[in-house]
Amino acid sequence: MVVRMKKGFLLIASIFLSLFIGIIISISLFRTNLQLKSIEARRASVYAFYAAEAGIERAIYELRKNINWRTGFNNEPLIWEGTTNQTIGYYDVQIANATPVGSLPTVWVRAQGRDVRYRSVGNQTMRRTILARVALQSPTAFLLLLLEI
């Protein structure tokens, strides 16, 4: 009789232990999945910011070449150069005239970066926008100013 009670207790205890371990494993998998989604969202946000920053840099480059440039960019890719040369995002740039600062004319440069791989909510991409005010000066005037100093 004592042997039968031990066998019954061991069976019930092993079932409860198996359930407990199963619950712990499923909670761990759920938390891991949440953390992976969070990491993916942060990565997408950073890549979208990098794309917007690249748009600002490219606009400043174009404005240094020609201070009258106002065409902007649409859907320009940001390529991570390396072994894979993969596109990590796209950027759009709009230029608008702003009020002068002192004697220097200025423009507003608005760059919006998008990450192409982030698809967590309803097929939307992660977007980051940077708005910068850029003072314009011709390269010759800048060089003359440096020569006077």
N, C-alpha and C. Protein backbone atom coordinates (compact mmCIF):
# COMPACT_ATOMS: atom_id res chain seq x y z
N MET A 1 0.81 -1.19 0.00
CA MET A 1 0.00 0.00 0.00
C MET A 1 0.86 1.26 0.00
N VAL A 2 1.94 1.26 0.74
CA VAL A 2 2.83 2.42 0.79
C VAL A 2 3.50 2.62 -0.57
N VAL A 3 3.83 1.54 -1.23
CA VAL A 3 4.48 1.63 -2.54
C VAL A 3 3.53 2.24 -3.55
N ARG A 4 2.23 1.87 -3.52
CA ARG A 4 1.25 2.44 -4.43
C ARG A 4 1.08 3.93 -4.22
N MET A 5 1.05 4.41 -3.00
CA MET A 5 0.90 5.84 -2.71
C MET A 5 2.12 6.60 -3.20
N LYS A 6 3.31 6.01 -3.07
CA LYS A 6 4.52 6.68 -3.56
C LYS A 6 4.50 6.80 -5.08
N LYS A 7 4.04 5.74 -5.75
CA LYS A 7 3.96 5.78 -7.21
C LYS A 7 2.94 6.83 -7.66
N GLY A 8 1.82 6.91 -6.99
CA GLY A 8 0.80 7.91 -7.33
C GLY A 8 1.30 9.32 -7.08
N PHE A 9 2.00 9.51 -5.95
CA PHE A 9 2.54 10.83 -5.63
C PHE A 9 3.61 11.24 -6.65
N LEU A 10 4.47 10.32 -7.01
CA LEU A 10 5.52 10.63 -7.99
C LEU A 10 4.92 10.98 -9.34
N LEU A 11 3.86 10.31 -9.73
CA LEU A 11 3.20 10.61 -11.00
C LEU A 11 2.60 12.01 -10.98
N ILE A 12 1.88 12.34 -9.94
CA ILE A 12 1.27 13.68 -9.82
C ILE A 12 2.35 14.75 -9.72
N ALA A 13 3.39 14.49 -8.92
CA ALA A 13 4.48 15.47 -8.77
C ALA A 13 5.20 15.68 -10.09
N SER A 14 5.45 14.63 -10.85
CA SER A 14 6.13 14.79 -12.13
C SER A 14 5.26 15.54 -13.14
N ILE A 15 3.95 15.35 -13.10
CA ILE A 15 3.04 16.10 -13.99
C ILE A 15 3.07 17.58 -13.64
N PHE A 16 2.98 17.91 -12.34
CA PHE A 16 3.03 19.31 -11.94
C PHE A 16 4.38 19.94 -12.25
N LEU A 17 5.44 19.20 -12.07
CA LEU A 17 6.78 19.71 -12.39
C LEU A 17 6.91 19.96 -13.89
N SER A 18 6.39 19.06 -14.70
CA SER A 18 6.42 19.25 -16.15
C SER A 18 5.61 20.47 -16.56
N LEU A 19 4.43 20.66 -15.97
CA LEU A 19 3.62 21.85 -16.26
C LEU A 19 4.34 23.12 -15.85
N PHE A 20 4.95 23.10 -14.68
CA PHE A 20 5.67 24.27 -14.19
C PHE A 20 6.83 24.63 -15.12
N ILE A 21 7.60 23.65 -15.51
CA ILE A 21 8.72 23.89 -16.43
C ILE A 21 8.21 24.37 -17.79
N GLY A 22 7.10 23.81 -18.27
CA GLY A 22 6.51 24.26 -19.54
C GLY A 22 6.06 25.71 -19.48
N ILE A 23 5.46 26.10 -18.36
CA ILE A 23 5.03 27.50 -18.20
C ILE A 23 6.23 28.43 -18.17
N ILE A 24 7.28 28.06 -17.46
CA ILE A 24 8.50 28.88 -17.39
C ILE A 24 9.11 29.03 -18.79
N ILE A 25 9.16 27.96 -19.55
CA ILE A 25 9.74 28.01 -20.90
C ILE A 25 8.89 28.88 -21.82
N SER A 26 7.56 28.76 -21.76
CA SER A 26 6.72 29.57 -22.63
C SER A 26 6.80 31.05 -22.26
N ILE A 27 6.88 31.38 -20.98
CA ILE A 27 7.06 32.78 -20.57
C ILE A 27 8.40 33.31 -21.07
N SER A 28 9.43 32.50 -20.98
CA SER A 28 10.75 32.93 -21.46
C SER A 28 10.74 33.17 -22.96
N LEU A 29 10.09 32.31 -23.73
CA LEU A 29 10.00 32.50 -25.18
C LEU A 29 9.21 33.75 -25.52
N PHE A 30 8.13 34.02 -24.79
CA PHE A 30 7.33 35.22 -25.01
C PHE A 30 8.15 36.48 -24.75
N ARG A 31 8.88 36.50 -23.64
CA ARG A 31 9.72 37.67 -23.31
C ARG A 31 10.82 37.86 -24.33
N THR A 32 11.42 36.78 -24.79
CA THR A 32 12.47 36.87 -25.80
C THR A 32 11.92 37.46 -27.09
N ASN A 33 10.73 37.04 -27.47
CA ASN A 33 10.10 37.58 -28.68
C ASN A 33 9.84 39.08 -28.53
N LEU A 34 9.36 39.51 -27.36
CA LEU A 34 9.15 40.93 -27.13
C LEU A 34 10.45 41.72 -27.20
N GLN A 35 11.51 41.18 -26.63
CA GLN A 35 12.81 41.87 -26.67
C GLN A 35 13.35 41.95 -28.09
N LEU A 36 13.16 40.91 -28.88
CA LEU A 36 13.61 40.95 -30.28
C LEU A 36 12.86 42.01 -31.08
N LYS A 37 11.57 42.14 -30.85
CA LYS A 37 10.79 43.19 -31.53
C LYS A 37 11.25 44.57 -31.10
N SER A 38 11.55 44.73 -29.83
CA SER A 38 12.04 46.02 -29.33
C SER A 38 13.39 46.37 -29.95
N ILE A 39 14.28 45.40 -30.03
CA ILE A 39 15.59 45.63 -30.64
C ILE A 39 15.44 45.98 -32.11
N GLU A 40 14.55 45.31 -32.81
CA GLU A 40 14.32 45.59 -34.23
C GLU A 40 13.78 47.02 -34.43
N ALA A 41 12.89 47.45 -33.54
CA ALA A 41 12.35 48.81 -33.63
C ALA A 41 13.44 49.84 -33.37
N ARG A 42 14.32 49.59 -32.41
CA ARG A 42 15.42 50.52 -32.15
C ARG A 42 16.38 50.58 -33.32
N ARG A 43 16.69 49.42 -33.90
CA ARG A 43 17.59 49.39 -35.05
C ARG A 43 16.98 50.16 -36.22
N ALA A 44 15.70 49.96 -36.46
CA ALA A 44 15.02 50.66 -37.54
C ALA A 44 15.01 52.16 -37.31
N SER A 45 14.82 52.57 -36.07
CA SER A 45 14.84 54.00 -35.74
C SER A 45 16.21 54.61 -36.01
N VAL A 46 17.26 53.90 -35.64
CA VAL A 46 18.62 54.39 -35.87
C VAL A 46 18.91 54.47 -37.36
N TYR A 47 18.53 53.46 -38.12
CA TYR A 47 18.76 53.48 -39.57
C TYR A 47 17.98 54.60 -40.24
N ALA A 48 16.75 54.86 -39.79
CA ALA A 48 15.97 55.96 -40.34
C ALA A 48 16.64 57.30 -40.02
N PHE A 49 17.18 57.43 -38.81
CA PHE A 49 17.90 58.65 -38.46
C PHE A 49 19.15 58.82 -39.31
N TYR A 50 19.90 57.72 -39.51
CA TYR A 50 21.09 57.79 -40.37
C TYR A 50 20.71 58.25 -41.78
N ALA A 51 19.59 57.75 -42.29
CA ALA A 51 19.15 58.15 -43.63
C ALA A 51 18.81 59.63 -43.67
N ALA A 52 18.11 60.14 -42.65
CA ALA A 52 17.78 61.56 -42.60
C ALA A 52 19.04 62.41 -42.48
N GLU A 53 19.98 61.95 -41.68
CA GLU A 53 21.26 62.67 -41.54
C GLU A 53 22.03 62.69 -42.85
N ALA A 54 22.00 61.59 -43.58
CA ALA A 54 22.66 61.55 -44.89
C ALA A 54 21.99 62.53 -45.85
N GLY A 55 20.68 62.68 -45.75
CA GLY A 55 19.98 63.66 -46.58
C GLY A 55 20.41 65.08 -46.28
N ILE A 56 20.58 65.40 -45.01
CA ILE A 56 21.06 66.74 -44.63
C ILE A 56 22.46 66.97 -45.17
N GLU A 57 23.33 65.99 -44.99
CA GLU A 57 24.71 66.12 -45.46
C GLU A 57 24.77 66.29 -46.99
N ARG A 58 23.95 65.53 -47.68
CA ARG A 58 23.94 65.64 -49.15
C ARG A 58 23.41 66.99 -49.59
N ALA A 59 22.39 67.51 -48.91
CA ALA A 59 21.85 68.83 -49.24
C ALA A 59 22.89 69.91 -49.00
N ILE A 60 23.63 69.82 -47.91
CA ILE A 60 24.68 70.81 -47.64
C ILE A 60 25.76 70.74 -48.72
N TYR A 61 26.10 69.53 -49.14
CA TYR A 61 27.07 69.36 -50.23
C TYR A 61 26.58 70.04 -51.51
N GLU A 62 25.32 69.82 -51.87
CA GLU A 62 24.76 70.44 -53.08
C GLU A 62 24.69 71.96 -52.94
N LEU A 63 24.35 72.46 -51.75
CA LEU A 63 24.29 73.91 -51.53
C LEU A 63 25.67 74.55 -51.57
N ARG A 64 26.70 73.82 -51.16
CA ARG A 64 28.06 74.35 -51.27
C ARG A 64 28.50 74.44 -52.72
N LYS A 65 28.05 73.51 -53.55
CA LYS A 65 28.37 73.57 -54.98
C LYS A 65 27.62 74.71 -55.66
N ASN A 66 26.36 74.92 -55.28
CA ASN A 66 25.52 75.93 -55.92
C ASN A 66 24.54 76.47 -54.87
N ILE A 67 24.73 77.72 -54.45
CA ILE A 67 23.88 78.26 -53.38
C ILE A 67 22.44 78.49 -53.84
N ASN A 68 22.19 78.43 -55.15
CA ASN A 68 20.83 78.59 -55.67
C ASN A 68 20.11 77.25 -55.85
N TRP A 69 20.72 76.14 -55.48
CA TRP A 69 20.12 74.81 -55.62
C TRP A 69 18.92 74.68 -54.69
N ARG A 70 17.78 74.29 -55.23
CA ARG A 70 16.58 74.12 -54.40
C ARG A 70 15.75 72.90 -54.80
N THR A 71 16.27 72.03 -55.62
CA THR A 71 15.44 70.94 -56.15
C THR A 71 15.16 69.84 -55.13
N GLY A 72 16.04 69.57 -54.21
CA GLY A 72 15.82 68.52 -53.22
C GLY A 72 16.01 67.13 -53.82
N PHE A 73 15.62 66.12 -53.03
CA PHE A 73 15.75 64.72 -53.45
C PHE A 73 14.49 63.97 -53.08
N ASN A 74 14.20 62.94 -53.83
CA ASN A 74 13.09 62.04 -53.50
C ASN A 74 13.58 60.60 -53.60
N ASN A 75 13.36 59.87 -52.53
CA ASN A 75 13.60 58.42 -52.50
C ASN A 75 15.05 58.05 -52.84
N GLU A 76 16.00 58.79 -52.29
CA GLU A 76 17.41 58.48 -52.48
C GLU A 76 17.82 57.37 -51.52
N PRO A 77 18.54 56.36 -51.99
CA PRO A 77 18.92 55.26 -51.09
C PRO A 77 20.15 55.61 -50.26
N LEU A 78 20.19 55.08 -49.05
CA LEU A 78 21.38 55.14 -48.20
C LEU A 78 21.94 53.73 -48.19
N ILE A 79 23.14 53.59 -48.73
CA ILE A 79 23.74 52.26 -48.89
C ILE A 79 24.84 52.10 -47.87
N TRP A 80 24.78 50.99 -47.13
CA TRP A 80 25.82 50.64 -46.16
C TRP A 80 26.93 49.98 -46.95
N GLU A 81 28.00 50.71 -47.15
CA GLU A 81 29.09 50.17 -47.96
C GLU A 81 29.95 49.24 -47.12
N GLY A 82 30.24 48.12 -47.66
CA GLY A 82 31.02 47.10 -46.98
C GLY A 82 31.03 45.86 -47.82
N THR A 83 30.99 44.73 -47.17
CA THR A 83 31.03 43.48 -47.93
C THR A 83 29.71 43.21 -48.65
N THR A 84 28.59 43.72 -48.10
CA THR A 84 27.29 43.43 -48.70
C THR A 84 26.72 44.58 -49.53
N ASN A 85 27.12 45.81 -49.27
CA ASN A 85 26.57 47.00 -49.93
C ASN A 85 25.04 46.98 -49.91
N GLN A 86 24.48 46.85 -48.72
CA GLN A 86 23.03 46.76 -48.61
C GLN A 86 22.41 48.13 -48.37
N THR A 87 21.22 48.32 -48.89
CA THR A 87 20.47 49.55 -48.68
C THR A 87 19.80 49.46 -47.32
N ILE A 88 20.08 50.44 -46.44
CA ILE A 88 19.50 50.41 -45.10
C ILE A 88 18.35 51.40 -44.95
N GLY A 89 18.17 52.28 -45.92
CA GLY A 89 17.08 53.23 -45.83
C GLY A 89 17.04 54.15 -47.04
N TYR A 90 16.06 55.04 -47.02
CA TYR A 90 15.88 56.02 -48.08
C TYR A 90 15.64 57.38 -47.43
N TYR A 91 15.94 58.45 -48.18
CA TYR A 91 15.68 59.79 -47.65
C TYR A 91 15.09 60.69 -48.72
N ASP A 92 14.27 61.63 -48.24
CA ASP A 92 13.71 62.70 -49.05
C ASP A 92 14.20 64.02 -48.46
N VAL A 93 14.49 64.99 -49.33
CA VAL A 93 14.98 66.29 -48.87
C VAL A 93 14.17 67.38 -49.56
N GLN A 94 13.67 68.33 -48.76
CA GLN A 94 13.01 69.52 -49.29
C GLN A 94 13.77 70.75 -48.80
N ILE A 95 13.87 71.75 -49.69
CA ILE A 95 14.57 72.99 -49.39
C ILE A 95 13.55 74.13 -49.45
N ALA A 96 13.60 75.04 -48.48
CA ALA A 96 12.74 76.22 -48.48
C ALA A 96 13.55 77.41 -48.02
N ASN A 97 13.31 78.56 -48.64
CA ASN A 97 14.01 79.78 -48.23
C ASN A 97 13.61 80.18 -46.82
N ALA A 98 14.56 80.76 -46.11
CA ALA A 98 14.31 81.24 -44.74
C ALA A 98 14.77 82.69 -44.67
N THR A 99 14.45 83.34 -43.57
CA THR A 99 14.88 84.74 -43.40
C THR A 99 16.39 84.78 -43.20
N PRO A 100 17.05 85.81 -43.74
CA PRO A 100 18.51 85.90 -43.60
C PRO A 100 18.93 86.08 -42.14
N VAL A 101 20.12 85.62 -41.85
CA VAL A 101 20.74 85.84 -40.53
C VAL A 101 21.87 86.83 -40.77
N GLY A 102 21.65 88.07 -40.32
CA GLY A 102 22.62 89.12 -40.63
C GLY A 102 22.64 89.37 -42.12
N SER A 103 23.81 89.25 -42.72
CA SER A 103 23.93 89.44 -44.17
C SER A 103 23.91 88.12 -44.93
N LEU A 104 23.84 86.99 -44.22
CA LEU A 104 23.88 85.69 -44.88
C LEU A 104 22.47 85.19 -45.18
N PRO A 105 22.22 84.79 -46.42
CA PRO A 105 20.93 84.15 -46.71
C PRO A 105 20.92 82.74 -46.10
N THR A 106 19.74 82.30 -45.72
CA THR A 106 19.61 80.97 -45.13
C THR A 106 18.48 80.20 -45.81
N VAL A 107 18.53 78.88 -45.68
CA VAL A 107 17.46 78.01 -46.18
C VAL A 107 17.14 76.98 -45.10
N TRP A 108 15.91 76.50 -45.14
CA TRP A 108 15.50 75.38 -44.30
C TRP A 108 15.72 74.11 -45.10
N VAL A 109 16.37 73.15 -44.50
CA VAL A 109 16.57 71.84 -45.13
C VAL A 109 15.84 70.83 -44.26
N ARG A 110 14.85 70.18 -44.85
CA ARG A 110 14.07 69.16 -44.14
C ARG A 110 14.36 67.81 -44.79
N ALA A 111 14.92 66.90 -44.00
CA ALA A 111 15.24 65.56 -44.50
C ALA A 111 14.44 64.54 -43.72
N GLN A 112 13.77 63.65 -44.45
CA GLN A 112 13.03 62.57 -43.80
C GLN A 112 13.66 61.25 -44.22
N GLY A 113 14.11 60.48 -43.21
CA GLY A 113 14.71 59.17 -43.47
C GLY A 113 13.72 58.07 -43.16
N ARG A 114 13.82 56.99 -43.93
CA ARG A 114 12.95 55.83 -43.74
C ARG A 114 13.79 54.56 -43.73
N ASP A 115 13.48 53.68 -42.82
CA ASP A 115 14.09 52.35 -42.81
C ASP A 115 13.22 51.44 -43.66
N VAL A 116 13.83 50.60 -44.47
CA VAL A 116 13.05 49.80 -45.41
C VAL A 116 12.65 48.43 -44.87
N ARG A 117 13.24 47.97 -43.79
CA ARG A 117 12.97 46.60 -43.34
C ARG A 117 12.07 46.50 -42.13
N TYR A 118 11.72 47.59 -41.49
CA TYR A 118 10.91 47.53 -40.27
C TYR A 118 9.44 47.40 -40.64
N ARG A 119 8.81 46.34 -40.21
CA ARG A 119 7.42 46.10 -40.56
C ARG A 119 6.63 45.57 -39.36
N SER A 120 6.72 46.23 -38.22
CA SER A 120 6.07 45.65 -37.04
C SER A 120 4.58 45.95 -36.98
N VAL A 121 4.16 47.13 -37.43
CA VAL A 121 2.76 47.50 -37.29
C VAL A 121 2.19 47.86 -38.65
N GLY A 122 1.36 47.03 -39.19
CA GLY A 122 0.61 47.36 -40.38
C GLY A 122 1.44 47.75 -41.59
N ASN A 123 2.57 47.13 -41.79
CA ASN A 123 3.40 47.37 -42.97
C ASN A 123 3.91 48.81 -43.06
N GLN A 124 4.13 49.46 -41.94
CA GLN A 124 4.65 50.83 -41.92
C GLN A 124 6.15 50.81 -41.78
N THR A 125 6.80 51.84 -42.33
CA THR A 125 8.23 51.97 -42.15
C THR A 125 8.51 52.95 -41.02
N MET A 126 9.67 52.81 -40.40
CA MET A 126 10.09 53.72 -39.36
C MET A 126 10.57 55.00 -40.03
N ARG A 127 10.17 56.15 -39.54
CA ARG A 127 10.54 57.44 -40.13
C ARG A 127 11.16 58.34 -39.07
N ARG A 128 12.17 59.09 -39.48
CA ARG A 128 12.79 60.11 -38.65
C ARG A 128 13.00 61.34 -39.52
N THR A 129 12.74 62.51 -38.95
CA THR A 129 12.85 63.76 -39.70
C THR A 129 13.82 64.70 -38.99
N ILE A 130 14.67 65.36 -39.78
CA ILE A 130 15.59 66.36 -39.26
C ILE A 130 15.31 67.66 -40.01
N LEU A 131 15.19 68.75 -39.27
CA LEU A 131 15.01 70.07 -39.86
C LEU A 131 16.22 70.91 -39.48
N ALA A 132 16.92 71.45 -40.48
CA ALA A 132 18.14 72.22 -40.22
C ALA A 132 18.06 73.55 -40.97
N ARG A 133 18.57 74.57 -40.34
CA ARG A 133 18.68 75.88 -40.99
C ARG A 133 20.13 76.05 -41.41
N VAL A 134 20.33 76.28 -42.70
CA VAL A 134 21.68 76.34 -43.25
C VAL A 134 21.94 77.74 -43.77
N ALA A 135 23.05 78.34 -43.31
CA ALA A 135 23.47 79.65 -43.81
C ALA A 135 24.27 79.44 -45.09
N LEU A 136 23.95 80.23 -46.10
CA LEU A 136 24.58 80.08 -47.41
C LEU A 136 25.68 81.12 -47.59
N GLN A 137 26.76 80.67 -48.17
CA GLN A 137 27.85 81.58 -48.53
C GLN A 137 28.58 80.95 -49.70
N SER A 138 28.92 81.76 -50.66
CA SER A 138 29.61 81.21 -51.82
C SER A 138 31.00 80.72 -51.40
N PRO A 139 31.52 79.69 -52.05
CA PRO A 139 32.85 79.18 -51.70
C PRO A 139 33.95 80.22 -51.88
N THR A 140 33.82 81.10 -52.88
CA THR A 140 34.86 82.13 -53.07
C THR A 140 34.85 83.13 -51.93
N ALA A 141 33.66 83.52 -51.45
CA ALA A 141 33.60 84.44 -50.33
C ALA A 141 34.19 83.79 -49.08
N PHE A 142 33.94 82.52 -48.90
CA PHE A 142 34.48 81.81 -47.74
C PHE A 142 36.00 81.75 -47.81
N LEU A 143 36.56 81.46 -49.00
CA LEU A 143 38.01 81.41 -49.15
C LEU A 143 38.63 82.77 -48.94
N LEU A 144 37.99 83.84 -49.45
CA LEU A 144 38.51 85.19 -49.23
C LEU A 144 38.50 85.55 -47.76
N LEU A 145 37.47 85.13 -47.06
CA LEU A 145 37.42 85.37 -45.61
C LEU A 145 38.54 84.66 -44.90
N LEU A 146 38.86 83.42 -45.30
CA LEU A 146 39.96 82.69 -44.69
C LEU A 146 41.30 83.34 -44.99
N LEU A 147 41.47 83.86 -46.20
CA LEU A 147 42.73 84.49 -46.57
C LEU A 147 42.95 85.79 -45.80
N GLU A 148 41.88 86.48 -45.43
CA GLU A 148 42.00 87.74 -44.67
C GLU A 148 42.38 87.49 -43.23
N ILE A 149 42.04 86.32 -42.70
CA ILE A 149 42.32 86.04 -41.29
C ILE A 149 43.73 85.76 -41.06
